[in-house]
Every structure is written in structure tokens, then in C-alpha cells.
């Protein structure tokens, strides 16, 4: 039965992904990958992948099977570092449908590898890890085409290599995670402080990472990415619904620039706190994996731009506490159970159907039948409340977006920013409520990690 349960757990995320396509249709399937694919094509032709053109023209040609009405008129930016965009060049040589199919298979393979390595690094069963990741991975990563699994794979490998003292390999994997600019820096900072033998490799490989981007896209484009694209992307996404402090502030009427500044300050504070907790955990337990797993878990609380797929990076750290501290298991399990469901895609009926399976199985496996039933009931109440608010008209009002033309040399964020302000900035009771279970769960998880770090000895 255990082998069968393990197999089912491995297949959960792909099954939810396939079910979403079958039940809800392919609308916006690979919608985010389209931007990365076109950026890779632009890089292959020696042009600037961060500008309106030729990115927009490529996105118009490379459309998913079914697209929302607004999509052809909006340019979706590809705000990854130049080195990360260069990785999409081979896929850009294929027609879009074939490239998307190959990319999905690569995402699934990367996530399988990440879960297997996270299991080794944390001592948590692959069943629990797969259950925790499944909902977010299927809906936010596989369906849209976000590259998060590759970053998770790099971090998981870094954790395994750090534990075994393979400093160059660990440094290379941590630097590779810079493809997700908000997640990797806290890990690199913790390693630089605590592990002297990683300092030279991190500096050398970090320089190589930057040089590779400059070689592919040109030094001026690399400089412009840091100087212009990153700040512009923060402003263009300030109104988008997400879990960041910036998004929360703009949804209550704060202007975008001060909201971004507040998010940046909170990100810095959480990074310092996360690195401090990781150092304390490492010194008290002697387990170097804490230096890789804990800092990004804190970094995704608040900040400037945080979606569910980034928040999922906290699961291994929280579940590691579950595995190693029996007295904190209920807190850790509750935290993950609240965060693991992408409540914002409840409108997809297939996800609503999978919630009892995911929460019920995870809660029973982590907390036992009785407590698990209570947690499942809480999740059911949240699901019902979301549906009730939607039926009561508490959701965002409908809006019609008419795009204007943009200069070819403008950043792609200009188009996306206008769309974000017009369509995504629609405060409502429902959208505010959707944040609460996730942020509450993540807060409980971080408190759990902090309590474990402050515990004098491991409670085995």
C-alpha cells in the first residue's frame, strides 16, 4: 500500500494539470512560458528581450491554444536575468506548441528531481512533499509555464551538496538559483557568512553567471536589466494580486512607489531574520542544510513580488521541522496545509474537487485521523467561504481593457503595467480574503521554524 501511495503522490501534480486542461480547457495554457519562449527567440536573434519589440510581435504569433480576450494586445514581460533567458534559446528554435510540450516535460522532470533531493535533505517522505507541492505546482507552474521547478531543483541539490561538504557543487547550484532573483540571494548570503570554503566559488561562479548573460545579450542589456528592468517590473506588478506587502498596500490605496519601497524594506528585514535563524539552527544542530532551506522561506513573506509558486519554497524548511521536532509537528502541518492550496484558482472546478483529497490525505498523514479531520474541516470551510463570497458578488468587478500602442524601444513593463493597473487592480472582499489563509499559514510556519531554532536541542 505504501508503494502504491507513493506512486499516486508522485502522479498528483501531473494528474491535476491534465485534469485542468480536460475540464476547464486550455485557456492561457503556457501563458507565461510564451513570454520566456519569445525572449529566448529575441536573444537568439541578438535583440533586446526586455523591450516592447520584437517581444510583442513574437507573443502575438506564439499564442496558446485558447487565449483570454485581452492577451493578444498585452505584452507579457520576461523579467528573468539574461543568463536565465539564454537557457530558453534552444526551445525557441522549435515551433511554439512543440517547445511548450518539451518544456512541460522538463518542468515535471525538474520537480521530480527537486522532491527527491528535498526528501534526502530534510528526511521528509516524498509522499508529504508531493502532497504539499501538488496543488501549486499543477496550477501555477505547469499550467502557466513558470520555471520555478528548475530553481527548486538547484536549491535542493545545493542543500544535499552542502550537507556532504561538496563546496563547489553546492556553490554552483546556489548561484544557478539566481534565475529566481528574489529566492537565491538569502541562500548565498547565509553560505558566504557560515561556510568560508564556498566564498571563492560563489564569487567566481557569480561573476561567471553575470558574464554569461553579458556575452549572450551584450553588456549594455545586462546593465539595463539591473538598472531599468528590475525597478520597472516592480512598479508594473505593484497592482497585481499576489501575496507581497507591496500588493497589499496598493490594494488599500497606497501609491505604487512607496508601496514598492515598503516591500523592499520588508524583504531586507525578512532576509536578515531568515539568515539569522538559519545560522542559529546550523550552530545548534550542526546541519548545514538549514543554511539553504530556511533563508528563502523567510524571504517570501511580504516583500515586493510574491506569488504562490515562490511561497512553495518554504515547504521543505517547514516540513524539515515537522520531521525533526515532534512537539512542533501540529504547528508545522497546519502551516503547510493552509499554504499548499492555491485558493485563488478555486474558480477552476477541478481544483475545488482536488482540495479534499490533498488536504485530507496530507492532514491524516501528518496529524492523525482526528486532528486531520479537524484540519480538513477548516480547509473545507475556507473553500466554501470563497465560493460563497464569489456567489454573493464580493469578487472583483468586471472591467474592459483597451491597450494602446507603445514605442518599440519601451520596456515591455509599460504595456503590462497599464494592464495591471486597469484589470488586476480591482480590490474586493474576496481578493483580500484569499490572502489570509496563505499568509497566516506561512506566518505559522516561520514561527515554527523560529521556535525550533530556539530549542536547545533536537527533540528526536
Protein backbone atom coordinates (compact mmCIF):
# COMPACT_ATOMS: atom_id res chain seq x y z
CA UNK A 1 0.00 0.00 0.00
CA UNK A 2 2.87 2.35 0.80
CA UNK A 3 4.44 1.86 -2.63
CA UNK A 4 1.08 2.47 -4.29
CA UNK A 5 0.50 5.60 -2.17
CA UNK A 6 3.97 6.85 -3.09
CA UNK A 7 3.27 6.33 -6.78
CA UNK A 8 -0.05 8.18 -6.53
CA UNK A 9 1.65 11.05 -4.72
CA UNK A 10 4.26 11.36 -7.48
CA UNK A 11 1.50 11.49 -10.09
CA UNK A 12 -0.73 14.02 -8.29
CA UNK A 13 0.62 17.26 -9.78
CA UNK A 14 0.69 15.94 -13.39
CA UNK A 15 -2.81 14.49 -12.88
CA UNK A 16 -4.22 17.81 -11.65
CA UNK A 17 -2.52 19.56 -14.57
CA UNK A 18 -4.07 17.18 -17.12
CA UNK A 19 -7.46 17.38 -15.39
CA UNK A 20 -7.39 21.18 -15.55
CA UNK A 21 -6.84 21.07 -19.29
CA UNK A 22 -9.56 18.44 -19.76
CA UNK A 23 -12.18 20.06 -17.53
CA UNK A 24 -11.56 23.80 -17.68
CA UNK A 25 -9.98 23.99 -21.13
CA UNK A 26 -6.61 25.27 -22.37
CA UNK A 27 -7.28 28.99 -21.93
CA UNK A 28 -3.97 30.69 -21.13
CA UNK A 29 -2.19 27.33 -21.10
CA UNK A 30 1.56 28.08 -21.12
CA UNK A 31 0.69 31.78 -20.96
CA UNK A 32 3.81 32.73 -19.01
CA UNK A 33 6.06 30.36 -20.93
CA UNK A 34 5.07 32.26 -24.08
CA UNK A 35 6.98 35.30 -22.76
CA UNK A 36 10.08 33.26 -21.90
CA UNK A 37 9.92 31.43 -25.25
CA UNK A 38 9.75 34.71 -27.16
CA UNK A 39 12.51 36.24 -25.05
CA UNK A 40 14.68 33.27 -25.97
CA UNK A 41 13.85 33.82 -29.63
CA UNK A 42 14.71 37.52 -29.32
CA UNK A 43 18.04 36.68 -27.64
CA UNK A 44 18.81 34.18 -30.41
CA UNK A 45 18.44 37.00 -32.94
CA UNK A 46 20.72 39.33 -30.98
CA UNK A 47 17.98 41.76 -29.94
CA UNK A 48 16.96 43.12 -26.53
CA UNK A 49 14.47 40.72 -24.85
CA UNK A 50 13.20 43.34 -22.40
CA UNK A 51 11.79 45.81 -24.93
CA UNK A 52 8.29 46.03 -26.39
CA UNK A 53 9.55 44.95 -29.79
CA UNK A 54 10.28 42.42 -31.07
CA UNK A 55 8.90 40.68 -27.95
CA UNK A 56 5.27 41.71 -28.56
CA UNK A 57 5.22 40.62 -32.20
CA UNK A 58 6.56 37.21 -31.24
CA UNK A 59 3.97 36.82 -28.46
CA UNK A 60 1.16 37.61 -30.91
CA UNK A 61 2.38 34.82 -33.19
CA UNK A 62 3.10 32.31 -30.42
CA UNK A 63 -0.27 32.03 -28.73
CA UNK A 64 -1.63 29.23 -26.54
CA UNK A 65 -4.49 27.10 -27.96
CA UNK A 66 -7.05 29.43 -26.37
CA UNK A 67 -6.31 32.88 -25.03
CA UNK A 68 -8.19 35.39 -22.90
CA UNK A 69 -9.60 38.28 -24.92
CA UNK A 70 -7.03 40.76 -23.62
CA UNK A 71 -3.94 38.64 -24.20
CA UNK A 72 -3.06 39.46 -27.81
CA UNK A 73 -2.97 43.19 -27.02
CA UNK A 74 -0.75 42.93 -23.91
CA UNK A 75 2.98 42.33 -23.84
CA UNK A 76 3.92 39.95 -21.04
CA UNK A 77 7.44 40.78 -19.82
CA UNK A 78 10.16 38.17 -19.33
CA UNK A 79 11.92 39.67 -16.28
CA UNK A 80 14.48 36.90 -15.73
CA UNK A 81 18.22 37.67 -15.80
CA UNK A 82 19.89 37.48 -19.23
CA UNK A 83 21.65 34.22 -18.36
CA UNK A 84 18.33 32.59 -17.45
CA UNK A 85 16.70 33.80 -20.68
CA UNK A 86 19.60 32.33 -22.67
CA UNK A 87 18.51 28.90 -21.39
CA UNK A 88 15.29 29.31 -23.41
CA UNK A 89 17.13 29.78 -26.71
CA UNK A 90 17.17 26.03 -27.60
CA UNK A 91 13.41 25.82 -27.00
CA UNK A 92 12.87 28.96 -29.09
CA UNK A 93 14.25 27.10 -32.10
CA UNK A 94 11.16 24.86 -32.04
CA UNK A 95 7.61 25.83 -33.07
CA UNK A 96 5.73 27.07 -30.01
CA UNK A 97 3.45 24.00 -29.49
CA UNK A 98 6.41 21.60 -29.60
CA UNK A 99 8.52 23.85 -27.41
CA UNK A 100 5.69 24.03 -24.85
CA UNK A 101 5.33 20.23 -24.81
CA UNK A 102 9.07 19.73 -24.27
CA UNK A 103 9.09 22.45 -21.61
CA UNK A 104 6.27 20.81 -19.62
CA UNK A 105 8.17 17.52 -19.62
CA UNK A 106 11.29 19.35 -18.41
CA UNK A 107 9.28 21.05 -15.65
CA UNK A 108 7.88 17.71 -14.48
CA UNK A 109 11.33 16.10 -14.56
CA UNK A 110 12.84 19.03 -12.62
CA UNK A 111 10.11 18.87 -9.98
CA UNK A 112 10.57 15.11 -9.59
CA UNK A 113 14.29 15.66 -9.08
CA UNK A 114 13.68 18.52 -6.65
CA UNK A 115 11.28 16.49 -4.50
CA UNK A 116 13.66 13.51 -4.43
CA UNK A 117 16.56 15.73 -3.32
CA UNK A 118 14.44 17.68 -0.82
CA UNK A 119 13.45 14.33 0.70
CA UNK A 120 17.15 13.46 1.14
CA UNK A 121 17.98 16.87 2.58
CA UNK A 122 15.09 17.03 5.06
CA UNK A 123 14.30 13.44 5.98
CA UNK A 124 10.69 14.04 4.95
CA UNK A 125 8.91 11.38 2.91
CA UNK A 126 8.38 12.07 -0.78
CA UNK A 127 4.65 11.48 -0.19
CA UNK A 128 4.33 14.50 2.11
CA UNK A 129 6.48 16.67 -0.14
CA UNK A 130 4.49 15.73 -3.24
CA UNK A 131 1.20 16.39 -1.45
CA UNK A 132 2.43 19.80 -0.29
CA UNK A 133 3.68 20.86 -3.72
CA UNK A 134 0.98 19.28 -5.93
CA UNK A 135 -1.74 21.97 -5.98
CA UNK A 136 0.54 24.94 -6.54
CA UNK A 137 2.84 23.10 -8.94
CA UNK A 138 -0.01 21.94 -11.20
CA UNK A 139 -1.90 25.23 -11.36
CA UNK A 140 0.74 27.94 -11.03
CA UNK A 141 3.76 26.21 -12.53
CA UNK A 142 2.85 23.51 -15.05
CA UNK A 143 -0.26 25.23 -16.41
CA UNK A 144 1.25 28.70 -16.79
CA UNK A 145 4.79 27.56 -17.51
CA UNK A 146 6.67 29.19 -14.64
CA UNK A 147 10.30 27.98 -14.34
CA UNK A 148 10.19 27.59 -10.54
CA UNK A 149 10.90 23.80 -10.56
CA UNK A 150 14.36 24.43 -12.00
CA UNK A 151 15.12 26.81 -9.13
CA UNK A 152 13.77 24.30 -6.61
CA UNK A 153 15.97 21.62 -8.17
CA UNK A 154 19.03 23.86 -7.84
CA UNK A 155 18.25 24.67 -4.19
CA UNK A 156 17.54 21.04 -3.32
CA UNK A 157 20.83 19.98 -4.91
CA UNK A 158 22.64 22.78 -3.06
CA UNK A 159 21.22 21.51 0.25
CA UNK A 160 22.39 17.96 -0.45
CA UNK A 161 25.84 19.10 -1.57
CA UNK A 162 26.25 21.44 1.42
CA UNK A 163 25.49 18.60 3.81
CA UNK A 164 28.16 16.39 2.20
CA UNK A 165 30.74 19.18 2.06
CA UNK A 166 30.91 19.41 -1.72
CA UNK A 167 31.52 23.13 -1.71
CA UNK A 168 31.99 23.89 -5.40
CA UNK A 169 28.93 21.87 -6.44
CA UNK A 170 26.85 23.50 -3.67
CA UNK A 171 28.02 26.96 -4.72
CA UNK A 172 27.25 26.28 -8.38
CA UNK A 173 23.72 25.15 -7.57
CA UNK A 174 23.06 28.13 -5.30
CA UNK A 175 24.31 30.53 -7.99
CA UNK A 176 22.15 28.76 -10.60
CA UNK A 177 19.13 29.56 -8.41
CA UNK A 178 19.72 33.24 -9.26
CA UNK A 179 17.36 32.57 -12.14
CA UNK A 180 14.76 33.48 -9.46
CA UNK A 181 16.35 36.74 -8.25
CA UNK A 182 14.38 37.05 -5.01
CA UNK A 183 14.98 33.49 -3.74
CA UNK A 184 18.69 32.82 -4.23
CA UNK A 185 20.34 35.89 -2.58
CA UNK A 186 19.37 34.90 1.01
CA UNK A 187 20.87 31.43 0.44
CA UNK A 188 24.08 32.87 -0.99
CA UNK A 189 24.34 35.33 1.92
CA UNK A 190 23.96 32.56 4.51
CA UNK A 191 26.55 30.40 2.77
CA UNK A 192 29.01 33.28 2.45
CA UNK A 193 28.72 34.03 6.17
CA UNK A 194 28.80 30.48 7.52
CA UNK A 195 30.83 28.46 5.04
CA UNK A 196 34.22 30.05 4.22
CA UNK A 197 35.05 27.38 1.65
CA UNK A 198 32.11 28.48 -0.50
CA UNK A 199 33.15 32.13 -0.68
CA UNK A 200 35.60 31.95 -3.56
CA UNK A 201 33.41 29.56 -5.61
CA UNK A 202 30.32 31.74 -5.10
CA UNK A 203 32.14 34.92 -6.11
CA UNK A 204 33.77 33.25 -9.12
CA UNK A 205 30.66 31.45 -10.29
CA UNK A 206 28.51 34.53 -9.65
CA UNK A 207 30.83 36.55 -11.86
CA UNK A 208 30.63 33.80 -14.49
CA UNK A 209 26.81 33.89 -14.26
CA UNK A 210 26.83 37.62 -14.95
CA UNK A 211 29.46 37.34 -17.66
CA UNK A 212 27.45 34.66 -19.44
CA UNK A 213 24.47 36.99 -19.57
CA UNK A 214 26.62 39.82 -20.91
CA UNK A 215 28.11 37.50 -23.53
CA UNK A 216 24.68 36.40 -24.71
CA UNK A 217 22.76 39.66 -24.67
CA UNK A 218 25.51 42.26 -24.51
CA UNK A 219 26.89 44.24 -21.57
CA UNK A 220 24.52 47.22 -22.08
CA UNK A 221 21.47 44.93 -21.87
CA UNK A 222 22.82 43.26 -18.71
CA UNK A 223 23.39 46.63 -17.09
CA UNK A 224 19.94 47.83 -18.19
CA UNK A 225 18.38 44.72 -16.67
CA UNK A 226 19.62 45.67 -13.20
CA UNK A 227 19.25 49.43 -13.62
CA UNK A 228 15.94 49.65 -15.51
CA UNK A 229 14.09 46.36 -15.87
CA UNK A 230 14.05 45.21 -12.23
CA UNK A 231 12.68 48.53 -10.86
CA UNK A 232 10.20 48.85 -13.76
CA UNK A 233 8.94 45.33 -13.21
CA UNK A 234 8.39 46.01 -9.50
CA UNK A 235 6.28 49.07 -10.36
CA UNK A 236 4.35 47.32 -13.15
CA UNK A 237 3.41 44.46 -10.82
CA UNK A 238 2.60 46.62 -7.83
CA UNK A 239 -1.13 46.39 -8.52
CA UNK A 240 -1.19 42.71 -9.46
CA UNK A 241 -2.98 40.44 -6.99
CA UNK A 242 -0.35 38.47 -5.08
CA UNK A 243 0.92 37.90 -1.54
CA UNK A 244 3.51 40.66 -1.29
CA UNK A 245 3.37 43.62 1.07
CA UNK A 246 3.52 45.88 -1.99
CA UNK A 247 0.39 44.32 -3.47
CA UNK A 248 -1.46 44.52 -0.16
CA UNK A 249 -0.60 48.21 0.21
CA UNK A 250 -1.67 49.17 -3.32
CA UNK A 251 -4.94 47.27 -2.83
CA UNK A 252 -5.81 49.60 0.06
CA UNK A 253 -4.94 52.74 -1.86
CA UNK A 254 -1.21 53.30 -1.30
CA UNK A 255 0.61 54.63 -4.38
CA UNK A 256 2.92 52.21 -6.15
CA UNK A 257 6.34 53.86 -5.47
CA UNK A 258 6.02 53.96 -1.65
CA UNK A 259 4.41 50.52 -1.69
CA UNK A 260 7.42 49.14 -3.57
CA UNK A 261 9.81 50.84 -1.14
CA UNK A 262 7.94 49.31 1.81
CA UNK A 263 8.11 45.90 0.15
CA UNK A 264 11.84 46.27 -0.41
CA UNK A 265 12.40 47.20 3.23
CA UNK A 266 10.36 44.22 4.40
CA UNK A 267 12.25 41.91 2.06
CA UNK A 268 15.53 43.10 3.53
CA UNK A 269 14.30 42.64 7.09
CA UNK A 270 12.98 39.13 6.37
CA UNK A 271 16.21 38.13 4.64
CA UNK A 272 18.25 39.25 7.66
CA UNK A 273 15.86 37.45 10.01
CA UNK A 274 15.89 34.28 7.90
CA UNK A 275 19.67 34.18 7.65
CA UNK A 276 19.95 34.77 11.40
CA UNK A 277 17.55 31.92 12.19
CA UNK A 278 19.37 29.65 9.73
CA UNK A 279 22.73 30.42 11.37
CA UNK A 280 21.31 29.70 14.80
CA UNK A 281 19.82 26.42 13.60
CA UNK A 282 23.08 25.39 11.97
CA UNK A 283 25.13 26.19 15.08
CA UNK A 284 22.76 24.37 17.43
CA UNK A 285 22.23 21.30 15.27
CA UNK A 286 25.31 21.16 13.07
CA UNK A 287 23.16 20.55 9.99
CA UNK A 288 24.29 22.79 7.14
CA UNK A 289 21.12 22.25 5.09
CA UNK A 290 19.42 24.88 7.27
CA UNK A 291 21.57 27.49 5.52
CA UNK A 292 19.92 26.63 2.21
CA UNK A 293 16.36 25.79 3.26
CA UNK A 294 15.49 28.43 5.87
CA UNK A 295 16.54 31.83 4.39
CA UNK A 296 14.28 31.67 1.29
CA UNK A 297 11.33 30.59 3.46
CA UNK A 298 11.57 33.91 5.31
CA UNK A 299 12.34 35.92 2.16
CA UNK A 300 8.98 35.08 0.54
CA UNK A 301 6.95 36.54 3.41
CA UNK A 302 5.86 40.01 2.31
CA UNK A 303 8.34 41.71 0.04
CA UNK A 304 7.69 43.21 -3.39
CA UNK A 305 6.56 40.43 -5.73
CA UNK A 306 5.48 37.08 -4.27
CA UNK A 307 3.21 34.50 -5.90
CA UNK A 308 2.18 31.06 -4.66
CA UNK A 309 4.90 29.33 -6.68
CA UNK A 310 7.55 31.33 -4.80
CA UNK A 311 5.92 30.73 -1.41
CA UNK A 312 6.15 26.97 -2.02
CA UNK A 313 9.92 27.24 -1.47
CA UNK A 314 9.10 27.39 2.26
CA UNK A 315 7.61 23.88 2.34
CA UNK A 316 10.87 21.90 2.72
CA UNK A 317 12.06 24.05 5.64
CA UNK A 318 8.73 23.77 7.46
CA UNK A 319 8.43 20.04 6.81
CA UNK A 320 12.00 19.51 7.99
CA UNK A 321 10.89 20.89 11.36
CA UNK A 322 7.90 18.55 11.22
CA UNK A 323 10.22 15.57 10.75
CA UNK A 324 12.78 16.54 13.40
CA UNK A 325 10.72 18.17 16.17
CA UNK A 326 7.75 16.02 17.27
CA UNK A 327 6.43 18.70 19.65
CA UNK A 328 6.12 21.14 16.74
CA UNK A 329 4.53 18.75 14.27
CA UNK A 330 0.98 20.02 14.56
CA UNK A 331 2.08 23.63 14.00
CA UNK A 332 4.22 22.68 11.01
CA UNK A 333 1.50 20.53 9.44
CA UNK A 334 -1.15 23.23 9.96
CA UNK A 335 1.11 25.81 8.34
CA UNK A 336 1.71 23.75 5.21
CA UNK A 337 -1.94 22.70 4.94
CA UNK A 338 -3.08 26.34 4.84
CA UNK A 339 -0.47 27.37 2.26
CA UNK A 340 -0.46 24.34 -0.06
CA UNK A 341 -3.83 25.11 -1.69
CA UNK A 342 -3.83 27.83 -4.37
CA UNK A 343 -7.09 29.34 -3.14
CA UNK A 344 -7.07 31.96 -5.90
CA UNK A 345 -7.78 29.29 -8.56
CA UNK A 346 -10.86 27.99 -6.79
CA UNK A 347 -12.87 29.13 -9.80
CA UNK A 348 -11.34 26.16 -11.63
CA UNK A 349 -13.80 23.44 -10.64
CA UNK A 350 -11.19 20.70 -10.94
CA UNK A 351 -9.03 22.34 -8.24
CA UNK A 352 -12.05 22.58 -5.96
CA UNK A 353 -12.55 18.85 -6.41
CA UNK A 354 -8.94 18.06 -5.55
CA UNK A 355 -8.88 20.09 -2.31
CA UNK A 356 -10.47 17.37 -0.10
CA UNK A 357 -8.04 14.80 -1.48
CA UNK A 358 -4.94 16.95 -0.98
CA UNK A 359 -5.82 18.38 2.44
CA UNK A 360 -7.44 15.19 3.73
CA UNK A 361 -4.55 12.95 2.78
CA UNK A 362 -1.89 15.40 3.98
CA UNK A 363 -3.68 16.12 7.27
CA UNK A 364 -4.26 12.45 8.07
CA UNK A 365 -0.68 11.55 7.21
CA UNK A 366 0.82 14.32 9.33
CA UNK A 367 -1.60 14.72 12.25
CA UNK A 368 -3.56 11.50 12.51
CA UNK A 369 -7.23 10.81 11.83
CA UNK A 370 -8.85 13.04 14.47
CA UNK A 371 -6.72 16.17 14.17
CA UNK A 372 -6.52 15.61 10.44
CA UNK A 373 -10.30 15.64 10.21
CA UNK A 374 -10.41 18.99 12.03
CA UNK A 375 -7.85 20.47 9.64
CA UNK A 376 -9.72 19.09 6.65
CA UNK A 377 -12.88 20.71 8.01
CA UNK A 378 -11.11 24.07 8.30
CA UNK A 379 -9.96 23.79 4.68
CA UNK A 380 -13.50 22.90 3.62
CA UNK A 381 -14.84 25.98 5.39
CA UNK A 382 -12.28 28.17 3.61
CA UNK A 383 -13.28 26.65 0.28
CA UNK A 384 -16.97 27.19 1.00
CA UNK A 385 -16.32 30.77 2.09
CA UNK A 386 -14.51 31.51 -1.18
CA UNK A 387 -17.38 30.13 -3.22
CA UNK A 388 -19.95 31.94 -1.06
CA UNK A 389 -18.20 35.28 -1.45
CA UNK A 390 -18.00 34.77 -5.20
CA UNK A 391 -21.70 33.93 -5.43
CA UNK A 392 -22.55 36.92 -3.23
CA UNK A 393 -20.86 39.26 -5.68
CA UNK A 394 -17.93 40.08 -3.39
CA UNK A 395 -15.43 39.35 -6.15
CA UNK A 396 -13.68 41.94 -8.31
CA UNK A 397 -15.87 43.89 -10.74
CA UNK A 398 -15.68 43.15 -14.44
CA UNK A 399 -13.56 45.51 -16.47
CA UNK A 400 -12.74 46.04 -20.11
CA UNK A 401 -9.17 46.73 -21.09
CA UNK A 402 -8.23 48.56 -24.27
CA UNK A 403 -4.50 48.54 -24.91
CA UNK A 404 -2.74 51.46 -26.51
CA UNK A 405 0.29 51.29 -28.75
CA UNK A 406 3.76 51.52 -27.24
CA UNK A 407 7.07 52.61 -28.76
CA UNK A 408 9.18 49.64 -29.89
CA UNK A 409 12.01 50.80 -27.64
CA UNK A 410 9.86 51.00 -24.48
CA UNK A 411 10.25 48.35 -21.80
CA UNK A 412 7.66 45.57 -22.02
CA UNK A 413 6.66 46.56 -18.49
CA UNK A 414 4.94 49.64 -19.94
CA UNK A 415 2.24 47.53 -21.57
CA UNK A 416 1.99 45.12 -18.66
CA UNK A 417 1.88 47.95 -16.13
CA UNK A 418 -1.09 49.59 -17.84
CA UNK A 419 -2.90 46.25 -17.94
CA UNK A 420 -2.08 45.57 -14.30
CA UNK A 421 -3.42 48.93 -13.14
CA UNK A 422 -6.57 48.65 -15.28
CA UNK A 423 -7.50 44.99 -14.81
CA UNK A 424 -5.60 43.47 -11.90
CA UNK A 425 -6.03 46.41 -9.51
CA UNK A 426 -9.59 45.53 -8.54
CA UNK A 427 -9.78 45.44 -4.74
CA UNK A 428 -12.62 43.36 -3.36
CA UNK A 429 -13.56 41.48 -0.21
CA UNK A 430 -12.96 38.16 -1.96
CA UNK A 431 -9.46 39.01 -3.17
CA UNK A 432 -8.44 40.33 0.24
CA UNK A 433 -9.80 37.22 1.96
CA UNK A 434 -7.90 34.92 -0.39
CA UNK A 435 -4.62 36.20 1.00
CA UNK A 436 -5.42 35.49 4.64
CA UNK A 437 -5.17 31.65 4.81
CA UNK A 438 -1.90 31.65 2.88
CA UNK A 439 -0.24 34.45 4.82
CA UNK A 440 -1.50 33.04 8.12
CA UNK A 441 -0.16 29.61 7.24
CA UNK A 442 3.21 30.97 6.17
CA UNK A 443 3.44 33.04 9.37
CA UNK A 444 2.71 29.93 11.45
CA UNK A 445 5.39 28.08 9.52
CA UNK A 446 8.02 30.76 10.14
CA UNK A 447 7.12 30.87 13.84
CA UNK A 448 7.52 27.09 13.92
CA UNK A 449 10.99 27.32 12.36
CA UNK A 450 11.95 30.07 14.82
CA UNK A 451 10.77 28.03 17.80
CA UNK A 452 12.80 25.06 16.59
CA UNK A 453 15.89 27.21 16.19
CA UNK A 454 15.47 28.48 19.74
CA UNK A 455 15.06 24.96 21.14
CA UNK A 456 18.26 23.95 22.97
CA UNK A 457 18.46 20.52 21.42
CA UNK A 458 16.82 18.49 18.73
CA UNK A 459 13.80 16.61 20.01
CA UNK A 460 14.27 13.24 18.33
